[in-house]
Amino acid sequence: MAIERWSPFSDIRRFDEVFNRLWRGANGLQETSEAWSIPLDVTRAGDEVVVKASLPGVKKEDVDVTIEDNVLTIRAELASEGEKEEAGYLLRERRAGSFYRAVRLPETVDSENATSSYGDGVLTINLPKLEEKKARKLAITSA
């Protein structure tokens, strides 16, 4: 029997490694569910906020956009292409089903005059600023 030096930290390190492996596995599941959300770009262009959402393969009729209480909600549905068990997939990464994304908008946007367009799998939503929230230039007078 060999004499081995005992270190209390080796047990803690081993537990930490096991816990990290379990956590990475749980995170893998979480990343899969997050991958179903709609990717967005939100930019400021002059006096408006522009939201662009990528919805490849989704028809315009299957997209629903609402603004309620300054929350922009985008819902979309992508129909399956008649999936069969015997299809013999070697790799399957294309998704089908419902997609959802909600974003809180700044108080400065005028949701009543928002416009949207859809083309080539990209939904574009233009949200102008409220007139009373726009920056004003003040005239400087001599004292």
Protein backbone atom coordinates (compact mmCIF):
# COMPACT_ATOMS: atom_id res chain seq x y z
CA MET A 1 0.00 0.00 0.00
CA ALA A 2 1.35 3.33 -1.06
CA ILE A 3 1.16 6.34 1.15
CA GLU A 4 -0.66 9.18 -0.57
CA ARG A 5 -0.68 12.75 0.61
CA TRP A 6 -4.21 13.90 1.33
CA SER A 7 -5.34 17.35 0.28
CA PRO A 8 -8.81 18.56 1.22
CA PHE A 9 -8.86 20.73 -1.89
CA SER A 10 -8.52 17.76 -4.25
CA ASP A 11 -12.01 16.55 -3.25
CA ILE A 12 -13.41 20.03 -3.77
CA ARG A 13 -11.69 20.29 -7.17
CA ARG A 14 -13.10 16.90 -8.22
CA PHE A 15 -16.62 17.95 -7.13
CA ASP A 16 -16.21 21.22 -9.06
CA GLU A 17 -15.22 19.34 -12.23
CA VAL A 18 -18.25 17.02 -11.97
CA PHE A 19 -20.56 19.96 -11.29
CA ASN A 20 -19.14 21.87 -14.28
CA ARG A 21 -19.73 18.87 -16.56
CA LEU A 22 -23.33 18.67 -15.39
CA TRP A 23 -23.77 22.42 -15.80
CA ARG A 24 -22.40 22.35 -19.35
CA GLY A 25 -24.92 19.63 -20.18
CA ALA A 26 -27.80 21.69 -18.76
CA ASN A 27 -26.55 24.74 -20.62
CA GLY A 28 -26.54 22.74 -23.85
CA LEU A 29 -30.27 22.18 -23.39
CA GLN A 30 -30.80 25.84 -22.61
CA GLU A 31 -28.90 26.96 -25.71
CA THR A 32 -31.14 24.75 -27.84
CA SER A 33 -34.29 26.44 -26.54
CA GLU A 34 -32.74 29.91 -26.93
CA ALA A 35 -31.82 29.08 -30.52
CA TRP A 36 -35.55 29.13 -31.29
CA SER A 37 -35.77 32.84 -30.53
CA ILE A 38 -35.70 35.31 -33.41
CA PRO A 39 -32.35 37.08 -33.93
CA LEU A 40 -32.69 40.88 -33.98
CA ASP A 41 -30.68 43.97 -34.89
CA VAL A 42 -31.89 47.19 -33.28
CA THR A 43 -30.35 50.43 -34.55
CA ARG A 44 -30.96 54.14 -34.32
CA ALA A 45 -31.24 55.84 -37.71
CA GLY A 46 -31.79 59.58 -37.41
CA ASP A 47 -35.04 60.18 -35.54
CA GLU A 48 -36.23 56.58 -35.53
CA VAL A 49 -35.43 53.18 -34.11
CA VAL A 50 -35.13 50.40 -36.68
CA VAL A 51 -35.63 46.75 -35.74
CA LYS A 52 -34.59 44.03 -38.20
CA ALA A 53 -35.54 40.43 -37.52
CA SER A 54 -34.25 37.41 -39.45
CA LEU A 55 -37.03 35.00 -40.38
CA PRO A 56 -35.63 32.84 -43.20
CA GLY A 57 -38.18 30.66 -44.95
CA VAL A 58 -41.17 32.18 -43.15
CA LYS A 59 -44.05 33.49 -45.24
CA LYS A 60 -45.32 37.02 -44.62
CA GLU A 61 -48.74 35.63 -43.66
CA ASP A 62 -47.15 33.58 -40.86
CA VAL A 63 -45.62 36.62 -39.11
CA ASP A 64 -47.48 38.54 -36.41
CA VAL A 65 -46.14 41.85 -35.04
CA THR A 66 -47.75 43.67 -32.11
CA ILE A 67 -46.84 46.61 -29.89
CA GLU A 68 -48.54 46.77 -26.50
CA ASP A 69 -47.41 48.75 -23.44
CA ASN A 70 -44.15 49.64 -25.23
CA VAL A 71 -43.30 45.97 -25.82
CA LEU A 72 -42.67 44.90 -29.40
CA THR A 73 -43.66 41.26 -29.90
CA ILE A 74 -42.80 39.25 -33.01
CA ARG A 75 -44.35 35.82 -33.50
CA ALA A 76 -43.75 33.59 -36.49
CA GLU A 77 -44.46 30.05 -37.52
CA LEU A 78 -42.54 27.89 -39.94
CA ALA A 79 -44.41 24.84 -41.17
CA SER A 80 -42.70 21.47 -41.35
CA GLU A 81 -42.16 19.90 -44.76
CA GLY A 82 -44.06 16.69 -44.00
CA GLU A 83 -41.48 15.12 -41.72
CA LYS A 84 -41.34 11.33 -41.82
CA GLU A 85 -39.60 8.93 -39.47
CA GLU A 86 -38.11 6.96 -42.36
CA ALA A 87 -36.64 10.07 -43.99
CA GLY A 88 -33.17 8.92 -42.96
CA TYR A 89 -31.73 12.21 -41.72
CA LEU A 90 -27.98 12.22 -41.32
CA LEU A 91 -27.99 15.81 -40.06
CA ARG A 92 -30.99 17.94 -39.22
CA GLU A 93 -30.52 21.60 -38.28
CA ARG A 94 -33.44 23.33 -40.02
CA ARG A 95 -36.17 24.12 -37.58
CA ALA A 96 -39.94 24.13 -37.84
CA GLY A 97 -42.49 25.39 -35.38
CA SER A 98 -43.31 28.61 -33.58
CA PHE A 99 -40.83 31.41 -32.95
CA TYR A 100 -41.26 34.28 -30.49
CA ARG A 101 -39.39 37.40 -29.46
CA ALA A 102 -40.39 40.34 -27.26
CA VAL A 103 -38.39 43.54 -26.77
CA ARG A 104 -39.16 46.49 -24.50
CA LEU A 105 -39.11 49.71 -26.51
CA PRO A 106 -37.83 53.06 -25.24
CA GLU A 107 -40.43 55.57 -24.05
CA THR A 108 -39.36 57.93 -26.86
CA VAL A 109 -40.81 55.88 -29.75
CA ASP A 110 -44.15 56.59 -31.37
CA SER A 111 -45.72 53.14 -31.65
CA GLU A 112 -48.85 54.60 -33.28
CA ASN A 113 -46.87 55.58 -36.40
CA ALA A 114 -44.68 52.47 -36.60
CA THR A 115 -44.37 50.78 -40.00
CA SER A 116 -43.16 47.34 -41.00
CA SER A 117 -42.04 45.63 -44.19
CA TYR A 118 -40.97 42.10 -45.03
CA GLY A 119 -38.70 40.88 -47.79
CA ASP A 120 -36.08 38.19 -48.38
CA GLY A 121 -36.65 36.69 -44.93
CA VAL A 122 -36.01 39.98 -43.09
CA LEU A 123 -38.72 41.81 -41.16
CA THR A 124 -37.99 45.54 -40.81
CA ILE A 125 -39.90 47.67 -38.29
CA ASN A 126 -39.44 51.46 -38.29
CA LEU A 127 -40.39 53.21 -35.05
CA PRO A 128 -40.25 57.03 -35.27
CA LYS A 129 -39.51 59.18 -32.22
CA LEU A 130 -42.34 61.09 -30.57
CA GLU A 131 -42.25 64.75 -31.65
CA GLU A 132 -42.23 66.00 -28.06
CA LYS A 133 -39.31 63.68 -27.20
CA LYS A 134 -37.05 64.82 -30.06
CA ALA A 135 -34.05 66.93 -29.15
CA ARG A 136 -34.55 70.66 -29.66
CA LYS A 137 -31.85 73.09 -30.58
CA LEU A 138 -31.94 76.17 -28.40
CA ALA A 139 -31.02 79.56 -29.74
CA ILE A 140 -28.28 81.25 -27.76
CA THR A 141 -28.78 84.95 -27.05
CA SER A 142 -26.30 87.50 -25.72
CA ALA A 143 -26.67 88.49 -22.10
